[in-house]
N, C-alpha and C. Protein backbone atom coordinates (compact mmCIF):
# COMPACT_ATOMS: atom_id res chain seq x y z
N MET A 1 0.83 -1.18 0.00
CA MET A 1 0.00 0.00 0.00
C MET A 1 0.88 1.24 0.00
N LYS A 2 0.38 2.32 -0.57
CA LYS A 2 1.12 3.56 -0.67
C LYS A 2 1.17 4.28 0.67
N GLY A 3 2.21 5.09 0.86
CA GLY A 3 2.29 5.98 2.00
C GLY A 3 2.44 5.28 3.34
N GLY A 4 2.82 4.03 3.34
CA GLY A 4 3.01 3.33 4.60
C GLY A 4 1.73 3.05 5.35
N ALA A 5 0.63 3.03 4.66
CA ALA A 5 -0.65 2.75 5.32
C ALA A 5 -0.69 1.29 5.75
N SER A 6 -1.34 1.04 6.84
CA SER A 6 -1.46 -0.33 7.30
C SER A 6 -2.88 -0.58 7.78
N CYS A 7 -3.25 -1.82 7.82
CA CYS A 7 -4.59 -2.18 8.24
C CYS A 7 -4.57 -2.57 9.71
N ILE A 8 -5.49 -2.03 10.47
CA ILE A 8 -5.62 -2.36 11.88
C ILE A 8 -6.96 -3.03 12.07
N ARG A 9 -6.98 -4.17 12.73
CA ARG A 9 -8.25 -4.85 12.98
C ARG A 9 -8.69 -4.54 14.40
N THR A 10 -9.92 -4.06 14.52
CA THR A 10 -10.49 -3.74 15.82
C THR A 10 -11.89 -4.30 15.86
N GLY A 11 -12.14 -5.27 16.69
CA GLY A 11 -13.48 -5.83 16.81
C GLY A 11 -14.04 -6.34 15.50
N GLY A 12 -13.20 -6.85 14.62
CA GLY A 12 -13.66 -7.39 13.35
C GLY A 12 -13.81 -6.34 12.26
N GLU A 13 -13.59 -5.07 12.58
CA GLU A 13 -13.70 -4.01 11.58
C GLU A 13 -12.31 -3.59 11.14
N ASN A 14 -12.14 -3.25 9.87
CA ASN A 14 -10.87 -2.77 9.36
C ASN A 14 -10.85 -1.25 9.36
N PHE A 15 -9.75 -0.68 9.86
CA PHE A 15 -9.54 0.75 9.82
C PHE A 15 -8.16 0.97 9.21
N TRP A 16 -8.04 1.92 8.29
CA TRP A 16 -6.77 2.15 7.62
C TRP A 16 -6.07 3.31 8.28
N SER A 17 -4.81 3.11 8.61
CA SER A 17 -4.00 4.17 9.21
C SER A 17 -3.24 4.85 8.09
N VAL A 18 -3.46 6.14 7.91
CA VAL A 18 -2.79 6.91 6.87
C VAL A 18 -2.07 8.06 7.56
N SER A 19 -0.83 8.25 7.29
CA SER A 19 -0.04 9.32 7.90
C SER A 19 -0.10 9.24 9.42
N GLY A 20 -0.17 8.03 9.95
CA GLY A 20 -0.20 7.86 11.39
C GLY A 20 -1.54 8.14 12.03
N LYS A 21 -2.58 8.43 11.25
CA LYS A 21 -3.90 8.71 11.80
C LYS A 21 -4.82 7.53 11.51
N LEU A 22 -5.67 7.25 12.47
CA LEU A 22 -6.64 6.19 12.30
C LEU A 22 -7.87 6.77 11.61
N MET A 23 -8.29 6.18 10.53
CA MET A 23 -9.46 6.67 9.80
C MET A 23 -10.65 5.78 10.10
N ALA A 24 -11.75 6.39 10.43
CA ALA A 24 -12.96 5.63 10.74
C ALA A 24 -13.76 5.40 9.48
N LYS A 25 -14.69 4.51 9.62
CA LYS A 25 -15.66 4.34 8.55
C LYS A 25 -16.70 5.43 8.69
N LYS A 26 -17.56 5.52 7.70
CA LYS A 26 -18.67 6.47 7.77
C LYS A 26 -19.93 5.75 7.33
N VAL A 27 -21.05 6.26 7.75
CA VAL A 27 -22.34 5.71 7.35
C VAL A 27 -22.70 6.32 6.00
N VAL A 28 -23.05 5.49 5.04
CA VAL A 28 -23.40 5.93 3.69
C VAL A 28 -24.74 5.33 3.32
N ALA A 29 -25.52 6.07 2.52
CA ALA A 29 -26.83 5.58 2.08
C ALA A 29 -26.79 5.16 0.62
N ASN A 30 -27.44 4.06 0.32
CA ASN A 30 -27.62 3.60 -1.05
C ASN A 30 -28.88 4.27 -1.58
N LYS A 31 -28.71 5.19 -2.53
CA LYS A 31 -29.86 5.96 -3.03
C LYS A 31 -30.89 5.10 -3.75
N GLU A 32 -30.49 3.92 -4.20
CA GLU A 32 -31.44 3.02 -4.85
C GLU A 32 -32.37 2.35 -3.84
N LYS A 33 -31.91 2.21 -2.59
CA LYS A 33 -32.70 1.52 -1.57
C LYS A 33 -33.42 2.46 -0.61
N CYS A 34 -32.89 3.66 -0.41
CA CYS A 34 -33.48 4.59 0.56
C CYS A 34 -34.79 5.15 0.01
N VAL A 35 -35.84 5.08 0.84
CA VAL A 35 -37.15 5.60 0.44
C VAL A 35 -37.53 6.84 1.24
N GLY A 36 -36.61 7.34 2.06
CA GLY A 36 -36.88 8.54 2.84
C GLY A 36 -37.87 8.34 3.97
N CYS A 37 -37.89 7.18 4.58
CA CYS A 37 -38.87 6.87 5.63
C CYS A 37 -38.53 7.49 6.99
N HIS A 38 -37.30 7.92 7.18
CA HIS A 38 -36.84 8.58 8.41
C HIS A 38 -36.70 7.64 9.61
N ILE A 39 -36.81 6.33 9.42
CA ILE A 39 -36.66 5.41 10.54
C ILE A 39 -35.25 5.49 11.11
N CYS A 40 -34.27 5.76 10.28
CA CYS A 40 -32.89 5.89 10.77
C CYS A 40 -32.79 7.05 11.77
N GLU A 41 -33.50 8.13 11.50
CA GLU A 41 -33.49 9.27 12.43
C GLU A 41 -34.13 8.90 13.77
N LEU A 42 -35.23 8.16 13.70
CA LEU A 42 -35.91 7.74 14.93
C LEU A 42 -35.03 6.79 15.75
N ALA A 43 -34.38 5.85 15.08
CA ALA A 43 -33.50 4.91 15.78
C ALA A 43 -32.34 5.65 16.42
N CYS A 44 -31.77 6.59 15.71
CA CYS A 44 -30.64 7.37 16.22
C CYS A 44 -31.05 8.16 17.46
N SER A 45 -32.13 8.90 17.37
CA SER A 45 -32.55 9.74 18.51
C SER A 45 -32.93 8.89 19.72
N PHE A 46 -33.56 7.75 19.48
CA PHE A 46 -33.93 6.90 20.61
C PHE A 46 -32.70 6.28 21.26
N PHE A 47 -31.77 5.81 20.44
CA PHE A 47 -30.55 5.18 20.97
C PHE A 47 -29.72 6.18 21.78
N LEU A 48 -29.61 7.42 21.28
CA LEU A 48 -28.75 8.40 21.94
C LEU A 48 -29.44 9.22 23.02
N ASP A 49 -30.72 9.53 22.84
CA ASP A 49 -31.40 10.43 23.77
C ASP A 49 -32.63 9.83 24.43
N GLY A 50 -33.00 8.60 24.05
CA GLY A 50 -34.14 7.95 24.67
C GLY A 50 -35.50 8.46 24.24
N VAL A 51 -35.54 9.20 23.13
CA VAL A 51 -36.81 9.73 22.60
C VAL A 51 -36.86 9.51 21.09
N PHE A 52 -38.05 9.37 20.57
CA PHE A 52 -38.23 9.27 19.12
C PHE A 52 -38.47 10.68 18.60
N ASN A 53 -37.41 11.37 18.23
CA ASN A 53 -37.50 12.75 17.77
C ASN A 53 -36.46 12.98 16.69
N PRO A 54 -36.87 13.04 15.43
CA PRO A 54 -35.91 13.21 14.33
C PRO A 54 -35.03 14.46 14.48
N LYS A 55 -35.53 15.48 15.16
CA LYS A 55 -34.73 16.69 15.35
C LYS A 55 -33.55 16.48 16.29
N ARG A 56 -33.57 15.37 17.03
CA ARG A 56 -32.46 15.06 17.94
C ARG A 56 -31.51 14.03 17.35
N ALA A 57 -31.78 13.57 16.14
CA ALA A 57 -30.94 12.56 15.48
C ALA A 57 -29.65 13.17 14.97
N ARG A 58 -28.62 12.35 14.91
CA ARG A 58 -27.32 12.78 14.36
C ARG A 58 -27.21 12.43 12.88
N ILE A 59 -28.22 11.75 12.36
CA ILE A 59 -28.33 11.47 10.93
C ILE A 59 -29.54 12.26 10.46
N ARG A 60 -29.44 12.87 9.30
CA ARG A 60 -30.54 13.70 8.80
C ARG A 60 -30.94 13.25 7.41
N VAL A 61 -32.24 13.10 7.21
CA VAL A 61 -32.78 12.76 5.89
C VAL A 61 -33.39 14.03 5.33
N GLU A 62 -32.84 14.50 4.23
CA GLU A 62 -33.37 15.69 3.57
C GLU A 62 -34.56 15.27 2.73
N SER A 63 -35.69 15.90 2.97
CA SER A 63 -36.92 15.56 2.24
C SER A 63 -37.52 16.81 1.63
N GLY A 64 -38.44 16.59 0.73
CA GLY A 64 -39.16 17.71 0.13
C GLY A 64 -38.79 17.91 -1.32
N TYR A 65 -39.30 18.98 -1.88
CA TYR A 65 -39.07 19.31 -3.28
C TYR A 65 -37.57 19.49 -3.54
N ASN A 66 -37.06 18.89 -4.57
CA ASN A 66 -35.65 18.92 -4.98
C ASN A 66 -34.72 18.19 -4.02
N ALA A 67 -35.24 17.54 -3.00
CA ALA A 67 -34.40 16.76 -2.09
C ALA A 67 -34.27 15.34 -2.62
N LEU A 68 -33.19 14.70 -2.25
CA LEU A 68 -32.95 13.33 -2.72
C LEU A 68 -33.50 12.28 -1.78
N ASP A 69 -34.09 12.68 -0.65
CA ASP A 69 -34.55 11.74 0.36
C ASP A 69 -33.43 10.80 0.78
N LEU A 70 -32.25 11.34 0.96
CA LEU A 70 -31.11 10.54 1.38
C LEU A 70 -30.60 11.02 2.73
N PRO A 71 -30.28 10.09 3.61
CA PRO A 71 -29.67 10.49 4.88
C PRO A 71 -28.25 11.01 4.65
N HIS A 72 -27.86 11.96 5.44
CA HIS A 72 -26.45 12.35 5.42
C HIS A 72 -25.95 12.48 6.85
N VAL A 73 -24.70 12.11 7.02
CA VAL A 73 -24.05 12.09 8.33
C VAL A 73 -22.63 12.59 8.17
N CYS A 74 -21.93 12.67 9.27
CA CYS A 74 -20.54 13.10 9.27
C CYS A 74 -19.69 12.18 8.39
N PHE A 75 -18.85 12.77 7.56
CA PHE A 75 -17.98 12.00 6.68
C PHE A 75 -16.68 11.59 7.36
N GLN A 76 -16.50 11.96 8.62
CA GLN A 76 -15.29 11.63 9.37
C GLN A 76 -14.05 12.02 8.57
N CYS A 77 -14.01 13.28 8.14
CA CYS A 77 -12.90 13.80 7.33
C CYS A 77 -11.55 13.57 8.01
N GLU A 78 -10.55 13.23 7.22
CA GLU A 78 -9.21 13.04 7.80
C GLU A 78 -8.70 14.35 8.40
N ASN A 79 -8.83 15.43 7.66
CA ASN A 79 -8.46 16.75 8.16
C ASN A 79 -9.74 17.53 8.40
N ALA A 80 -10.41 17.23 9.47
CA ALA A 80 -11.75 17.76 9.75
C ALA A 80 -11.75 19.27 9.97
N PRO A 81 -12.41 20.03 9.08
CA PRO A 81 -12.46 21.48 9.27
C PRO A 81 -13.19 21.87 10.55
N CYS A 82 -14.14 21.06 10.98
CA CYS A 82 -14.86 21.37 12.22
C CYS A 82 -13.91 21.36 13.41
N ALA A 83 -13.02 20.36 13.45
CA ALA A 83 -12.07 20.26 14.55
C ALA A 83 -11.02 21.36 14.47
N GLU A 84 -10.58 21.66 13.25
CA GLU A 84 -9.56 22.69 13.07
C GLU A 84 -10.05 24.07 13.47
N THR A 85 -11.33 24.34 13.27
CA THR A 85 -11.86 25.67 13.55
C THR A 85 -12.37 25.85 14.97
N CYS A 86 -12.55 24.77 15.70
CA CYS A 86 -13.10 24.85 17.06
C CYS A 86 -12.17 25.63 17.98
N PRO A 87 -12.63 26.76 18.52
CA PRO A 87 -11.76 27.60 19.35
C PRO A 87 -11.42 27.00 20.71
N VAL A 88 -12.19 26.01 21.16
CA VAL A 88 -11.92 25.41 22.48
C VAL A 88 -11.47 23.95 22.37
N GLU A 89 -11.17 23.51 21.15
CA GLU A 89 -10.70 22.14 20.88
C GLU A 89 -11.63 21.09 21.47
N ALA A 90 -12.93 21.29 21.25
CA ALA A 90 -13.94 20.36 21.77
C ALA A 90 -14.19 19.19 20.84
N ILE A 91 -13.68 19.24 19.61
CA ILE A 91 -13.86 18.14 18.66
C ILE A 91 -12.54 17.40 18.57
N VAL A 92 -12.56 16.17 19.04
CA VAL A 92 -11.33 15.40 19.16
C VAL A 92 -11.45 14.06 18.43
N LEU A 93 -10.31 13.56 17.99
CA LEU A 93 -10.26 12.26 17.32
C LEU A 93 -10.10 11.18 18.39
N ASP A 94 -11.07 10.28 18.44
CA ASP A 94 -11.08 9.22 19.44
C ASP A 94 -11.25 7.88 18.72
N ASN A 95 -10.18 7.10 18.67
CA ASN A 95 -10.21 5.81 17.97
C ASN A 95 -10.69 5.94 16.53
N GLY A 96 -10.24 6.99 15.84
CA GLY A 96 -10.57 7.17 14.44
C GLY A 96 -11.89 7.85 14.17
N VAL A 97 -12.58 8.29 15.21
CA VAL A 97 -13.88 8.94 15.04
C VAL A 97 -13.81 10.34 15.65
N TRP A 98 -14.24 11.34 14.89
CA TRP A 98 -14.31 12.70 15.42
C TRP A 98 -15.50 12.78 16.36
N LYS A 99 -15.23 13.19 17.60
CA LYS A 99 -16.28 13.28 18.61
C LYS A 99 -16.30 14.67 19.23
N VAL A 100 -17.48 15.10 19.64
CA VAL A 100 -17.64 16.39 20.30
C VAL A 100 -17.66 16.17 21.80
N ASP A 101 -16.78 16.85 22.51
CA ASP A 101 -16.78 16.82 23.97
C ASP A 101 -17.76 17.90 24.42
N LYS A 102 -18.97 17.48 24.76
CA LYS A 102 -20.01 18.46 25.08
C LYS A 102 -19.72 19.23 26.36
N ASN A 103 -18.79 18.74 27.17
CA ASN A 103 -18.40 19.48 28.36
C ASN A 103 -17.48 20.65 28.03
N LYS A 104 -16.77 20.55 26.90
CA LYS A 104 -15.88 21.63 26.45
C LYS A 104 -16.58 22.58 25.48
N CYS A 105 -17.48 22.05 24.68
CA CYS A 105 -18.13 22.82 23.62
C CYS A 105 -18.93 23.98 24.21
N THR A 106 -18.77 25.16 23.61
CA THR A 106 -19.48 26.35 24.07
C THR A 106 -20.72 26.66 23.25
N GLY A 107 -20.93 25.91 22.17
CA GLY A 107 -22.09 26.14 21.31
C GLY A 107 -21.93 27.36 20.41
N CYS A 108 -20.69 27.74 20.11
CA CYS A 108 -20.44 28.93 19.28
C CYS A 108 -20.90 28.73 17.84
N GLY A 109 -20.92 27.48 17.35
CA GLY A 109 -21.39 27.19 16.01
C GLY A 109 -20.37 27.35 14.90
N GLU A 110 -19.12 27.63 15.24
CA GLU A 110 -18.10 27.79 14.19
C GLU A 110 -17.92 26.50 13.40
N CYS A 111 -18.02 25.36 14.07
CA CYS A 111 -17.88 24.07 13.40
C CYS A 111 -19.03 23.85 12.41
N VAL A 112 -20.21 24.30 12.78
CA VAL A 112 -21.39 24.17 11.92
C VAL A 112 -21.18 24.95 10.63
N ASP A 113 -20.61 26.14 10.76
CA ASP A 113 -20.41 27.01 9.60
C ASP A 113 -19.40 26.47 8.60
N VAL A 114 -18.40 25.71 9.07
CA VAL A 114 -17.35 25.25 8.16
C VAL A 114 -17.54 23.84 7.63
N CYS A 115 -18.49 23.09 8.16
CA CYS A 115 -18.67 21.71 7.70
C CYS A 115 -19.18 21.70 6.25
N PRO A 116 -18.42 21.11 5.33
CA PRO A 116 -18.84 21.10 3.92
C PRO A 116 -20.04 20.20 3.65
N TYR A 117 -20.41 19.36 4.61
CA TYR A 117 -21.51 18.42 4.41
C TYR A 117 -22.73 18.73 5.27
N SER A 118 -22.70 19.83 5.99
CA SER A 118 -23.80 20.19 6.91
C SER A 118 -24.13 19.02 7.84
N ALA A 119 -23.10 18.36 8.32
CA ALA A 119 -23.29 17.15 9.11
C ALA A 119 -23.07 17.36 10.60
N ILE A 120 -22.75 18.57 11.00
CA ILE A 120 -22.62 18.90 12.42
C ILE A 120 -23.53 20.09 12.67
N PHE A 121 -24.21 20.05 13.78
CA PHE A 121 -25.18 21.11 14.07
C PHE A 121 -25.32 21.24 15.57
N LEU A 122 -25.93 22.32 16.01
CA LEU A 122 -26.13 22.52 17.45
C LEU A 122 -27.32 21.71 17.92
N ASN A 123 -27.26 21.24 19.17
CA ASN A 123 -28.39 20.49 19.71
C ASN A 123 -29.60 21.42 19.82
N LEU A 124 -30.74 20.88 20.17
CA LEU A 124 -31.98 21.67 20.16
C LEU A 124 -31.93 22.91 21.04
N THR A 125 -31.16 22.87 22.11
CA THR A 125 -31.07 24.03 23.00
C THR A 125 -29.91 24.95 22.65
N GLY A 126 -29.09 24.56 21.66
CA GLY A 126 -27.97 25.39 21.24
C GLY A 126 -26.79 25.37 22.20
N GLU A 127 -26.78 24.42 23.11
CA GLU A 127 -25.72 24.37 24.13
C GLU A 127 -24.40 23.81 23.60
N PHE A 128 -24.49 22.83 22.68
CA PHE A 128 -23.28 22.19 22.18
C PHE A 128 -23.56 21.57 20.81
N ALA A 129 -22.47 21.29 20.09
CA ALA A 129 -22.58 20.69 18.76
C ALA A 129 -22.80 19.19 18.88
N VAL A 130 -23.53 18.64 17.91
CA VAL A 130 -23.74 17.20 17.83
C VAL A 130 -23.49 16.74 16.40
N LYS A 131 -23.08 15.48 16.26
CA LYS A 131 -22.81 14.90 14.95
C LYS A 131 -22.80 13.38 15.09
N CYS A 132 -22.81 12.70 13.99
CA CYS A 132 -22.72 11.24 14.02
C CYS A 132 -21.34 10.86 14.54
N GLU A 133 -21.34 10.00 15.55
CA GLU A 133 -20.08 9.54 16.12
C GLU A 133 -19.96 8.02 16.02
N LEU A 134 -20.66 7.45 15.05
CA LEU A 134 -20.62 6.01 14.78
C LEU A 134 -20.84 5.20 16.06
N CYS A 135 -21.96 5.43 16.70
CA CYS A 135 -22.25 4.77 17.98
C CYS A 135 -22.20 3.25 17.84
N GLU A 136 -21.96 2.61 18.97
CA GLU A 136 -21.86 1.16 18.97
C GLU A 136 -23.15 0.53 18.46
N GLY A 137 -23.02 -0.37 17.52
CA GLY A 137 -24.19 -1.05 16.99
C GLY A 137 -24.80 -0.36 15.79
N ILE A 138 -24.48 0.89 15.58
CA ILE A 138 -24.99 1.69 14.47
C ILE A 138 -26.50 1.46 14.31
N PRO A 139 -27.32 1.95 15.25
CA PRO A 139 -28.76 1.69 15.21
C PRO A 139 -29.44 2.17 13.93
N CYS A 140 -28.96 3.27 13.34
CA CYS A 140 -29.58 3.76 12.10
C CYS A 140 -29.49 2.68 11.02
N LYS A 141 -28.34 2.05 10.92
CA LYS A 141 -28.11 1.00 9.92
C LYS A 141 -28.92 -0.25 10.24
N GLU A 142 -28.94 -0.64 11.51
CA GLU A 142 -29.60 -1.87 11.90
C GLU A 142 -31.12 -1.82 11.77
N TYR A 143 -31.71 -0.64 11.93
CA TYR A 143 -33.17 -0.53 11.88
C TYR A 143 -33.70 -0.07 10.53
N CYS A 144 -32.83 0.18 9.57
CA CYS A 144 -33.29 0.58 8.24
C CYS A 144 -34.02 -0.59 7.59
N PRO A 145 -35.32 -0.44 7.28
CA PRO A 145 -36.09 -1.56 6.74
C PRO A 145 -35.65 -2.00 5.34
N ASN A 146 -34.98 -1.12 4.62
CA ASN A 146 -34.56 -1.44 3.25
C ASN A 146 -33.06 -1.72 3.14
N GLU A 147 -32.38 -1.79 4.29
CA GLU A 147 -30.94 -2.02 4.31
C GLU A 147 -30.21 -1.04 3.39
N ALA A 148 -30.62 0.23 3.47
CA ALA A 148 -30.04 1.25 2.61
C ALA A 148 -28.76 1.86 3.18
N LEU A 149 -28.50 1.64 4.46
CA LEU A 149 -27.32 2.22 5.09
C LEU A 149 -26.24 1.18 5.26
N PHE A 150 -25.00 1.60 5.03
CA PHE A 150 -23.86 0.70 5.22
C PHE A 150 -22.65 1.52 5.65
N LEU A 151 -21.64 0.82 6.14
CA LEU A 151 -20.41 1.48 6.55
C LEU A 151 -19.41 1.44 5.41
N GLU A 152 -18.71 2.55 5.22
CA GLU A 152 -17.72 2.65 4.16
C GLU A 152 -16.52 3.42 4.69
N GLN A 153 -15.34 3.07 4.17
CA GLN A 153 -14.15 3.81 4.57
C GLN A 153 -13.89 4.92 3.61
């Protein structure tokens, strides 16, 4: 492999180390299978917050006129602009996944403004940023009735 990349096995999942950094997988939607049912949003919000509320989900399905009815989530960028712009360094790389430390985050929204995928946003009260952090079990993927979601590097 180029650049001295190596494969690391963790819990049966492969993660590629590039330039000494661990790269996580990301959740991706198959546009042929996704019907825009929003069940992934409900599973996400229930798993993370204990409520069925799409506005609290870390995965978002864009719907409506000119929308593709496709979920979008954090792309786990190698050089994450959200982390680079955070003035309090609240977005940290943890085992290959960019995570928001809500105890450090001030809710300034600078990360929201620079995300090229609109995949990070402030929680409902505006207290801190939230994003997909590839939670254990990936409930959005597991509860998708059409198996439209999968993990990709």
